[in-house]
Protein backbone atom coordinates (compact mmCIF):
# COMPACT_ATOMS: atom_id res chain seq x y z
CA GLY A 1 18.59 -1.31 11.95
CA LEU A 2 18.80 0.21 15.45
CA ASP A 3 22.18 0.65 17.14
CA ASN A 4 22.04 2.15 20.62
CA VAL A 5 23.47 0.83 23.88
CA HIS A 6 20.04 1.08 25.54
CA VAL A 7 18.13 -0.73 22.75
CA VAL A 8 18.09 -4.53 22.56
CA ARG A 9 20.40 -5.96 19.89
CA ILE A 10 18.98 -8.10 17.07
CA TYR A 11 21.52 -10.46 15.52
CA ASP A 12 19.50 -12.19 12.82
CA ILE A 13 16.07 -12.28 11.18
CA PHE A 14 14.79 -15.27 9.22
CA GLU A 15 11.61 -16.98 8.02
CA GLU A 16 10.61 -20.59 8.61
CA ASN A 17 7.23 -22.32 8.53
CA ASP A 18 5.58 -19.17 7.11
CA THR A 19 6.61 -17.26 10.22
CA ALA A 20 9.19 -14.54 10.79
CA TYR A 21 11.72 -15.00 13.61
CA TYR A 22 14.48 -12.88 15.05
CA VAL A 23 17.51 -13.74 17.15
CA MET A 24 17.85 -11.29 20.05
CA GLU A 25 20.72 -10.84 22.47
CA TYR A 26 20.29 -12.76 25.70
CA LEU A 27 19.77 -10.49 28.69
CA GLY A 28 19.83 -12.71 31.75
CA ASN A 29 19.41 -10.08 34.43
CA GLU A 30 16.09 -9.20 36.02
CA SER A 31 13.67 -6.62 34.63
CA LEU A 32 13.28 -3.12 36.03
CA MET A 33 9.82 -4.17 37.25
CA SER A 34 11.31 -6.81 39.53
CA ARG A 35 13.69 -4.28 41.09
CA ILE A 36 11.07 -1.77 42.24
CA PRO A 37 10.79 -1.80 46.05
CA ALA A 38 7.35 -1.72 47.69
CA GLY A 39 7.59 1.98 48.49
CA GLY A 40 9.36 2.97 45.27
CA PHE A 41 12.92 4.13 44.60
CA PRO A 42 14.40 7.37 45.92
CA CYS A 43 13.99 10.03 43.22
CA ASP A 44 17.70 10.21 42.34
CA GLN A 45 17.90 6.44 41.79
CA ALA A 46 14.74 6.48 39.65
CA ILE A 47 16.22 9.30 37.58
CA GLY A 48 19.23 7.12 36.77
CA TYR A 49 16.97 4.49 35.22
CA VAL A 50 14.66 6.98 33.51
CA ARG A 51 17.58 8.80 31.90
CA GLN A 52 18.77 5.58 30.23
CA ILE A 53 15.29 4.80 28.90
CA ALA A 54 15.00 8.38 27.64
CA ASP A 55 18.30 7.97 25.79
CA ALA A 56 16.90 4.92 23.99
CA LEU A 57 13.73 6.82 23.11
CA LYS A 58 15.63 9.85 21.86
CA TYR A 59 17.49 7.52 19.51
CA ILE A 60 14.49 5.59 18.16
CA HIS A 61 12.48 8.79 17.76
CA SER A 62 15.29 10.13 15.56
CA LYS A 63 14.47 7.15 13.28
CA ASN A 64 10.76 8.11 13.24
CA ILE A 65 9.81 5.13 15.43
CA LEU A 66 7.50 5.16 18.43
CA HIS A 67 7.88 2.30 20.92
CA LEU A 68 4.32 2.57 22.31
CA ASP A 69 4.84 0.13 25.18
CA ILE A 70 7.23 1.76 27.65
CA LYS A 71 6.86 0.17 31.09
CA PRO A 72 9.20 -1.34 33.71
CA SER A 73 8.70 -4.92 32.52
CA ASN A 74 10.02 -3.92 29.08
CA VAL A 75 13.34 -2.78 30.49
CA LEU A 76 16.01 -5.43 31.12
CA PHE A 77 19.64 -5.04 32.14
CA ARG A 78 22.99 -5.72 30.53
CA HIS A 79 25.87 -6.15 32.99
CA ASP A 80 23.43 -5.50 35.86
CA THR A 81 23.43 -1.70 35.54
CA GLU A 82 22.88 -0.91 31.84
CA ALA A 83 19.15 -0.50 31.15
CA VAL A 84 18.01 -1.96 27.81
CA LEU A 85 14.65 -1.29 26.17
CA ILE A 86 13.04 -4.43 24.70
CA ASP A 87 9.78 -5.54 23.06
CA PHE A 88 9.14 -3.55 19.90
CA GLY A 89 6.13 -5.74 19.11
CA ILE A 90 3.64 -2.86 18.80
CA SER A 91 6.08 -0.13 17.79
CA LYS A 92 5.26 2.01 14.75
CA HIS A 93 7.48 3.40 12.03
CA TYR A 94 6.47 6.71 10.47
CA ASP A 95 7.37 8.35 7.18
CA GLY A 96 10.13 10.92 7.59
CA THR A 97 8.48 13.31 5.10
CA ASP A 98 4.89 13.71 6.24
CA GLY A 99 4.95 11.91 9.60
CA GLY A 100 2.32 9.39 8.53
CA GLN A 101 2.48 5.80 9.67
CA THR A 102 4.24 3.26 7.46
CA SER A 103 3.09 0.32 9.57
CA THR A 104 -0.08 -0.54 11.43
CA SER A 105 -0.46 -2.22 14.80
CA SER A 106 -3.29 -3.88 16.66
CA GLY A 107 -3.96 -0.93 18.95
CA CYS A 108 -2.67 -2.75 22.03
CA VAL A 109 -2.47 -0.75 25.25
CA SER A 110 -0.88 -1.27 28.66
CA GLU A 111 -3.29 0.13 31.24
CA GLY A 112 -1.63 2.66 33.48
CA TYR A 113 1.14 3.34 30.98
CA SER A 114 -0.69 4.12 27.72
CA PRO A 115 -2.08 7.64 27.08
CA MET A 116 -5.61 8.39 25.92
CA GLU A 117 -4.64 8.62 22.26
CA GLN A 118 -3.61 4.95 22.19
CA TYR A 119 -7.19 3.99 23.02
CA GLU A 120 -8.57 6.00 20.10
CA VAL A 121 -9.06 4.91 16.49
CA ASP A 122 -6.29 6.59 14.47
CA GLY A 123 -5.07 8.24 17.68
CA ILE A 124 -1.45 7.43 16.82
CA SER A 125 -1.62 7.54 13.03
CA SER A 126 0.86 10.45 12.97
CA PHE A 127 4.24 10.63 14.66
CA THR A 128 4.38 12.45 17.97
CA ALA A 129 7.04 11.70 20.57
CA ALA A 130 4.65 12.98 23.25
CA THR A 131 2.91 9.59 23.21
CA ASP A 132 6.05 7.81 24.45
CA VAL A 133 6.68 10.74 26.82
CA TYR A 134 3.44 9.88 28.62
CA SER A 135 4.47 6.25 29.03
CA LEU A 136 7.91 7.26 30.28
CA GLY A 137 6.24 9.57 32.81
CA ALA A 138 4.00 6.70 33.92
CA THR A 139 7.07 4.50 34.32
CA PHE A 140 8.74 7.25 36.35
CA TYR A 141 5.61 7.39 38.55
CA HIS A 142 5.78 3.64 39.18
CA LEU A 143 9.48 3.85 40.04
CA VAL A 144 9.04 6.52 42.73
CA CYS A 145 5.63 5.45 44.05
CA GLY A 146 5.98 1.67 43.93
CA ARG A 147 2.66 1.23 42.14
CA VAL A 148 1.20 1.38 38.64
CA PRO A 149 -0.61 4.66 37.92
CA ALA A 150 -4.33 4.67 37.19
CA LYS A 151 -5.47 4.20 33.60
CA ALA A 152 -5.53 7.28 31.40
CA SER A 153 -9.31 7.77 31.52
CA VAL A 154 -9.25 7.86 35.32
CA ILE A 155 -6.42 10.41 35.33
CA LEU A 156 -8.36 12.51 32.82
CA ASN A 157 -11.28 12.79 35.23
CA GLU A 158 -9.63 12.54 38.65
CA GLY A 159 -5.95 13.42 38.19
CA LEU A 160 -2.97 11.43 39.44
CA SER A 161 -3.09 9.69 42.79
CA ASP A 162 -1.16 11.28 45.63
CA PHE A 163 2.58 10.81 45.71
CA PRO A 164 4.45 9.55 48.77
CA ASP A 165 5.79 12.37 50.93
CA SER A 166 9.33 11.26 50.08
CA VAL A 167 8.93 12.27 46.40
CA PRO A 168 10.34 15.80 45.84
CA PHE A 169 8.00 18.43 44.44
CA SER A 170 10.13 18.94 41.29
CA CYS A 171 9.92 15.21 40.56
CA ARG A 172 6.14 15.24 40.98
CA GLN A 173 5.86 18.25 38.67
CA LEU A 174 7.76 16.52 35.87
CA ILE A 175 5.73 13.31 36.15
CA GLU A 176 2.46 15.27 36.14
CA LYS A 177 3.61 17.26 33.11
CA CYS A 178 4.50 14.09 31.19
CA MET A 179 1.16 12.48 32.05
CA GLN A 180 -1.07 15.33 30.91
CA PRO A 181 -4.10 13.90 29.04
CA ARG A 182 -3.60 16.44 26.21
CA ARG A 183 -0.51 15.68 24.13
CA ARG A 184 0.30 19.32 23.49
CA GLU A 185 0.67 19.94 27.23
CA ARG A 186 3.42 17.32 27.65
CA PRO A 187 7.11 17.71 26.75
CA GLN A 188 7.07 17.33 22.97
CA ASN A 189 10.27 15.33 22.57
CA MET A 190 13.06 13.66 24.52
CA TYR A 191 15.26 16.76 24.35
CA GLU A 192 12.63 18.74 26.24
CA PHE A 193 12.09 15.87 28.64
CA MET A 194 15.80 15.50 29.40
CA ASP A 195 16.13 19.25 30.02
CA PHE A 196 13.34 18.99 32.60
CA LEU A 197 14.93 15.86 34.06
CA ALA A 198 18.29 17.62 34.44
CA ALA A 199 16.57 20.42 36.35
CA VAL A 200 14.95 17.88 38.69
CA GLN A 201 18.33 16.22 39.22
CA SER A 202 20.05 19.50 40.03
CA ARG A 203 17.40 20.32 42.64
CA ALA A 204 17.72 16.83 44.13
CA ASP A 205 21.49 17.28 44.39
CA SER A 206 21.32 20.76 45.97
């Protein structure tokens, strides 16, 4: 039921052998993970990728869905330049009335990308876009630093590792804000995030 240029297209769903299957569009280009250079991307190039992922998240959040597994390996490309978010295997759908979950998942986490609440029992039982904001911030970190950030519990106690000198201060500020251990201290939705991102872009261009 999702229709966004930055979300993978599903053409058919069927059941055989007591198993559900879906037919997904073929995306033959490499993943974002495979494109990251050893020292990371320049900030302006990373912003181009992050903005496309944020557009996909803004759309799925409007449908009361959290992706819950944002990371560079879950971003493929259509026509080489169009970023496409894939792998909704642990995503959650929430009720539009009270924000409660309408589906359950196994509590899977991706270390370095998942916030503290994903490690907790019932930590994501209610809809909050700030959970995906953390993972997008962690992805942004990887893109500009060339390495996966530390797991959430390490960041809680020790903070983020140092950034390369080439990463502008405004870019660091946004990543640190997105990766705050407390949800309420992060941007609360993709609209807030994209406003911050636009400010970072304008400083990078000036």
